[in-house]
PDB file of N, CA and C in Angstrom:
ATOM      1  N   MET A   1     -88.583 128.972 128.392  1.00  0.00           N
ATOM      2  CA  MET A   1     -87.410 128.168 128.075  1.00  0.00           C
ATOM      3  C   MET A   1     -87.733 126.691 128.303  1.00  0.00           C
ATOM      4  N   ALA A   2     -87.262 125.879 127.443  1.00  0.00           N
ATOM      5  CA  ALA A   2     -87.487 124.446 127.555  1.00  0.00           C
ATOM      6  C   ALA A   2     -86.712 123.873 128.733  1.00  0.00           C
ATOM      7  N   GLY A   3     -87.218 122.808 129.291  1.00  0.00           N
ATOM      8  CA  GLY A   3     -86.565 122.171 130.431  1.00  0.00           C
ATOM      9  C   GLY A   3     -85.566 121.110 130.030  1.00  0.00           C
ATOM     10  N   TYR A   4     -85.678 120.605 128.813  1.00  0.00           N
ATOM     11  CA  TYR A   4     -84.793 119.540 128.360  1.00  0.00           C
ATOM     12  C   TYR A   4     -84.120 119.924 127.050  1.00  0.00           C
ATOM     13  N   LEU A   5     -82.825 119.640 126.970  1.00  0.00           N
ATOM     14  CA  LEU A   5     -82.039 119.909 125.771  1.00  0.00           C
ATOM     15  C   LEU A   5     -81.420 118.603 125.302  1.00  0.00           C
ATOM     16  N   GLY A   6     -81.703 118.241 124.070  1.00  0.00           N
ATOM     17  CA  GLY A   6     -81.134 117.032 123.502  1.00  0.00           C
ATOM     18  C   GLY A   6     -79.959 117.353 122.602  1.00  0.00           C
ATOM     19  N   ASN A   7     -78.996 116.447 122.589  1.00  0.00           N
ATOM     20  CA  ASN A   7     -77.834 116.558 121.717  1.00  0.00           C
ATOM     21  C   ASN A   7     -77.999 115.512 120.618  1.00  0.00           C
ATOM     22  N   LYS A   8     -78.280 115.955 119.396  1.00  0.00           N
ATOM     23  CA  LYS A   8     -78.501 115.032 118.284  1.00  0.00           C
ATOM     24  C   LYS A   8     -77.232 114.267 117.909  1.00  0.00           C
ATOM     25  N   PHE A   9     -76.061 114.769 118.288  1.00  0.00           N
ATOM     26  CA  PHE A   9     -74.802 114.099 117.954  1.00  0.00           C
ATOM     27  C   PHE A   9     -74.657 112.789 118.733  1.00  0.00           C
ATOM     28  N   ASP A  10     -74.909 112.829 120.055  1.00  0.00           N
ATOM     29  CA  ASP A  10     -74.759 111.616 120.862  1.00  0.00           C
ATOM     30  C   ASP A  10     -76.095 111.069 121.384  1.00  0.00           C
ATOM     31  N   MET A  11     -77.207 111.744 121.014  1.00  0.00           N
ATOM     32  CA  MET A  11     -78.558 111.329 121.382  1.00  0.00           C
ATOM     33  C   MET A  11     -78.757 111.231 122.896  1.00  0.00           C
ATOM     34  N   ILE A  12     -78.205 112.216 123.611  1.00  0.00           N
ATOM     35  CA  ILE A  12     -78.369 112.328 125.061  1.00  0.00           C
ATOM     36  C   ILE A  12     -79.226 113.546 125.337  1.00  0.00           C
ATOM     37  N   VAL A  13     -80.154 113.417 126.272  1.00  0.00           N
ATOM     38  CA  VAL A  13     -80.998 114.541 126.674  1.00  0.00           C
ATOM     39  C   VAL A  13     -80.610 114.979 128.083  1.00  0.00           C
ATOM     40  N   HIS A  14     -80.542 116.300 128.278  1.00  0.00           N
ATOM     41  CA  HIS A  14     -80.124 116.897 129.552  1.00  0.00           C
ATOM     42  C   HIS A  14     -81.259 117.717 130.141  1.00  0.00           C
ATOM     43  N   HIS A  15     -81.326 117.746 131.459  1.00  0.00           N
ATOM     44  CA  HIS A  15     -82.288 118.580 132.170  1.00  0.00           C
ATOM     45  C   HIS A  15     -81.582 119.900 132.484  1.00  0.00           C
ATOM     46  N   LEU A  16     -82.063 120.990 131.914  1.00  0.00           N
ATOM     47  CA  LEU A  16     -81.368 122.269 132.025  1.00  0.00           C
ATOM     48  C   LEU A  16     -81.322 122.817 133.440  1.00  0.00           C
ATOM     49  N   ALA A  17     -82.295 122.504 134.274  1.00  0.00           N
ATOM     50  CA  ALA A  17     -82.320 123.038 135.637  1.00  0.00           C
ATOM     51  C   ALA A  17     -81.445 122.229 136.595  1.00  0.00           C
ATOM     52  N   VAL A  18     -80.993 121.051 136.176  1.00  0.00           N
ATOM     53  CA  VAL A  18     -80.248 120.163 137.064  1.00  0.00           C
ATOM     54  C   VAL A  18     -78.851 119.849 136.529  1.00  0.00           C
ATOM     55  N   MET A  19     -78.482 120.388 135.387  1.00  0.00           N
ATOM     56  CA  MET A  19     -77.216 120.018 134.745  1.00  0.00           C
ATOM     57  C   MET A  19     -76.016 120.234 135.670  1.00  0.00           C
ATOM     58  N   THR A  20     -74.994 119.430 135.465  1.00  0.00           N
ATOM     59  CA  THR A  20     -73.760 119.501 136.248  1.00  0.00           C
ATOM     60  C   THR A  20     -72.583 119.721 135.291  1.00  0.00           C
ATOM     61  N   SER A  21     -71.420 119.930 135.835  1.00  0.00           N
ATOM     62  CA  SER A  21     -70.242 120.126 134.982  1.00  0.00           C
ATOM     63  C   SER A  21     -69.910 118.857 134.198  1.00  0.00           C
ATOM     64  N   GLU A  22     -70.298 117.687 134.713  1.00  0.00           N
ATOM     65  CA  GLU A  22     -70.049 116.428 134.015  1.00  0.00           C
ATOM     66  C   GLU A  22     -70.896 116.296 132.745  1.00  0.00           C
ATOM     67  N   CYS A  23     -71.995 117.049 132.656  1.00  0.00           N
ATOM     68  CA  CYS A  23     -72.888 116.966 131.504  1.00  0.00           C
ATOM     69  C   CYS A  23     -72.227 117.458 130.210  1.00  0.00           C
ATOM     70  N   LYS A  24     -71.309 118.372 130.311  1.00  0.00           N
ATOM     71  CA  LYS A  24     -70.650 118.975 129.145  1.00  0.00           C
ATOM     72  C   LYS A  24     -71.669 119.586 128.190  1.00  0.00           C
ATOM     73  N   ILE A  25     -72.708 120.155 128.754  1.00  0.00           N
ATOM     74  CA  ILE A  25     -73.797 120.719 127.967  1.00  0.00           C
ATOM     75  C   ILE A  25     -73.338 121.918 127.134  1.00  0.00           C
ATOM     76  N   TYR A  26     -72.322 122.617 127.613  1.00  0.00           N
ATOM     77  CA  TYR A  26     -71.831 123.788 126.883  1.00  0.00           C
ATOM     78  C   TYR A  26     -71.053 123.404 125.632  1.00  0.00           C
ATOM     79  N   GLU A  27     -70.732 122.132 125.486  1.00  0.00           N
ATOM     80  CA  GLU A  27     -70.016 121.669 124.296  1.00  0.00           C
ATOM     81  C   GLU A  27     -70.956 121.263 123.162  1.00  0.00           C
ATOM     82  N   ILE A  28     -72.260 121.288 123.408  1.00  0.00           N
ATOM     83  CA  ILE A  28     -73.226 120.911 122.376  1.00  0.00           C
ATOM     84  C   ILE A  28     -73.270 122.002 121.313  1.00  0.00           C
ATOM     85  N   LYS A  29     -73.069 121.611 120.082  1.00  0.00           N
ATOM     86  CA  LYS A  29     -73.101 122.568 118.980  1.00  0.00           C
ATOM     87  C   LYS A  29     -74.542 122.973 118.686  1.00  0.00           C
ATOM     88  N   LYS A  30     -74.718 124.204 118.241  1.00  0.00           N
ATOM     89  CA  LYS A  30     -76.057 124.725 117.973  1.00  0.00           C
ATOM     90  C   LYS A  30     -76.827 123.837 116.999  1.00  0.00           C
ATOM     91  N   GLN A  31     -76.172 123.363 115.953  1.00  0.00           N
ATOM     92  CA  GLN A  31     -76.857 122.542 114.961  1.00  0.00           C
ATOM     93  C   GLN A  31     -77.224 121.161 115.501  1.00  0.00           C
ATOM     94  N   ASP A  32     -76.647 120.754 116.629  1.00  0.00           N
ATOM     95  CA  ASP A  32     -76.958 119.460 117.243  1.00  0.00           C
ATOM     96  C   ASP A  32     -77.972 119.579 118.379  1.00  0.00           C
ATOM     97  N   SER A  33     -78.417 120.805 118.675  1.00  0.00           N
ATOM     98  CA  SER A  33     -79.329 121.046 119.790  1.00  0.00           C
ATOM     99  C   SER A  33     -80.778 120.866 119.373  1.00  0.00           C
ATOM    100  N   VAL A  34     -81.540 120.253 120.263  1.00  0.00           N
ATOM    101  CA  VAL A  34     -82.988 120.160 120.083  1.00  0.00           C
ATOM    102  C   VAL A  34     -83.626 120.364 121.455  1.00  0.00           C
ATOM    103  N   TYR A  35     -84.536 121.337 121.529  1.00  0.00           N
ATOM    104  CA  TYR A  35     -85.250 121.615 122.769  1.00  0.00           C
ATOM    105  C   TYR A  35     -86.588 120.904 122.725  1.00  0.00           C
ATOM    106  N   PHE A  36     -87.000 120.382 123.845  1.00  0.00           N
ATOM    107  CA  PHE A  36     -88.261 119.671 123.914  1.00  0.00           C
ATOM    108  C   PHE A  36     -89.322 120.564 124.539  1.00  0.00           C
ATOM    109  N   VAL A  37     -90.298 120.911 123.725  1.00  0.00           N
ATOM    110  CA  VAL A  37     -91.399 121.763 124.146  1.00  0.00           C
ATOM    111  C   VAL A  37     -92.685 121.058 123.769  1.00  0.00           C
ATOM    112  N   PRO A  38     -93.591 120.761 124.638  1.00  0.00           N
ATOM    113  CA  PRO A  38     -93.464 121.054 126.067  1.00  0.00           C
ATOM    114  C   PRO A  38     -92.342 120.235 126.693  1.00  0.00           C
ATOM    115  N   ASP A  39     -91.999 120.607 127.900  1.00  0.00           N
ATOM    116  CA  ASP A  39     -90.838 120.020 128.592  1.00  0.00           C
ATOM    117  C   ASP A  39     -91.141 118.606 129.072  1.00  0.00           C
ATOM    118  N   ILE A  40     -91.248 117.693 128.156  1.00  0.00           N
ATOM    119  CA  ILE A  40     -91.627 116.333 128.518  1.00  0.00           C
ATOM    120  C   ILE A  40     -90.488 115.366 128.183  1.00  0.00           C
ATOM    121  N   LEU A  41     -89.949 114.736 129.198  1.00  0.00           N
ATOM    122  CA  LEU A  41     -88.872 113.774 129.008  1.00  0.00           C
ATOM    123  C   LEU A  41     -89.345 112.585 128.174  1.00  0.00           C
ATOM    124  N   ASP A  42     -90.609 112.211 128.329  1.00  0.00           N
ATOM    125  CA  ASP A  42     -91.142 111.098 127.543  1.00  0.00           C
ATOM    126  C   ASP A  42     -91.035 111.361 126.044  1.00  0.00           C
ATOM    127  N   GLN A  43     -91.230 112.592 125.636  1.00  0.00           N
ATOM    128  CA  GLN A  43     -91.113 112.937 124.213  1.00  0.00           C
ATOM    129  C   GLN A  43     -89.683 112.719 123.727  1.00  0.00           C
ATOM    130  N   ALA A  44     -88.707 113.113 124.534  1.00  0.00           N
ATOM    131  CA  ALA A  44     -87.302 112.903 124.172  1.00  0.00           C
ATOM    132  C   ALA A  44     -87.008 111.414 124.018  1.00  0.00           C
ATOM    133  N   ARG A  45     -87.517 110.616 124.945  1.00  0.00           N
ATOM    134  CA  ARG A  45     -87.297 109.165 124.873  1.00  0.00           C
ATOM    135  C   ARG A  45     -87.957 108.568 123.634  1.00  0.00           C
ATOM    136  N   LYS A  46     -89.157 109.039 123.291  1.00  0.00           N
ATOM    137  CA  LYS A  46     -89.849 108.551 122.097  1.00  0.00           C
ATOM    138  C   LYS A  46     -89.062 108.860 120.828  1.00  0.00           C
ATOM    139  N   GLU A  47     -88.292 109.945 120.864  1.00  0.00           N
ATOM    140  CA  GLU A  47     -87.488 110.331 119.708  1.00  0.00           C
ATOM    141  C   GLU A  47     -86.105 109.688 119.714  1.00  0.00           C
ATOM    142  N   GLY A  48     -85.857 108.780 120.657  1.00  0.00           N
ATOM    143  CA  GLY A  48     -84.620 108.017 120.666  1.00  0.00           C
ATOM    144  C   GLY A  48     -83.505 108.559 121.530  1.00  0.00           C
ATOM    145  N   PHE A  49     -83.784 109.569 122.344  1.00  0.00           N
ATOM    146  CA  PHE A  49     -82.760 110.148 123.212  1.00  0.00           C
ATOM    147  C   PHE A  49     -82.668 109.368 124.519  1.00  0.00           C
ATOM    148  N   ALA A  50     -81.450 109.172 124.981  1.00  0.00           N
ATOM    149  CA  ALA A  50     -81.210 108.535 126.274  1.00  0.00           C
ATOM    150  C   ALA A  50     -80.985 109.629 127.308  1.00  0.00           C
ATOM    151  N   PRO A  51     -81.438 109.440 128.540  1.00  0.00           N
ATOM    152  CA  PRO A  51     -81.237 110.451 129.573  1.00  0.00           C
ATOM    153  C   PRO A  51     -79.771 110.527 130.009  1.00  0.00           C
ATOM    154  N   CYS A  52     -79.330 111.739 130.277  1.00  0.00           N
ATOM    155  CA  CYS A  52     -77.970 111.954 130.806  1.00  0.00           C
ATOM    156  C   CYS A  52     -77.879 111.311 132.189  1.00  0.00           C
ATOM    157  N   LYS A  53     -76.807 110.598 132.437  1.00  0.00           N
ATOM    158  CA  LYS A  53     -76.664 109.911 133.725  1.00  0.00           C
ATOM    159  C   LYS A  53     -76.345 110.863 134.867  1.00  0.00           C
ATOM    160  N   TYR A  54     -76.016 112.124 134.553  1.00  0.00           N
ATOM    161  CA  TYR A  54     -75.665 113.084 135.587  1.00  0.00           C
ATOM    162  C   TYR A  54     -76.819 113.999 135.982  1.00  0.00           C
ATOM    163  N   CYS A  55     -77.740 114.301 135.054  1.00  0.00           N
ATOM    164  CA  CYS A  55     -78.746 115.310 135.369  1.00  0.00           C
ATOM    165  C   CYS A  55     -80.191 114.867 135.180  1.00  0.00           C
ATOM    166  N   VAL A  56     -80.423 113.697 134.613  1.00  0.00           N
ATOM    167  CA  VAL A  56     -81.789 113.226 134.401  1.00  0.00           C
ATOM    168  C   VAL A  56     -81.977 111.925 135.189  1.00  0.00           C
ATOM    169  N   ASN A  57     -82.956 111.925 136.060  1.00  0.00           N
ATOM    170  CA  ASN A  57     -83.219 110.718 136.869  1.00  0.00           C
ATOM    171  C   ASN A  57     -84.173 109.807 136.158  1.00  0.00           C
TER     172      ASN A  57
END
């Protein structure tokens, strides 16, 4: 399983092992989901995703 899930709708990336209720990760629609494999946050940033302020340091 990937460690990071990006939401293409708002361009926010979440850390799946650290997510909180504030992340609203369960509201991400399937068509807006992108998993980062390998689990590299740098790859998400290169693709224009901003880190979630609740679960990504």
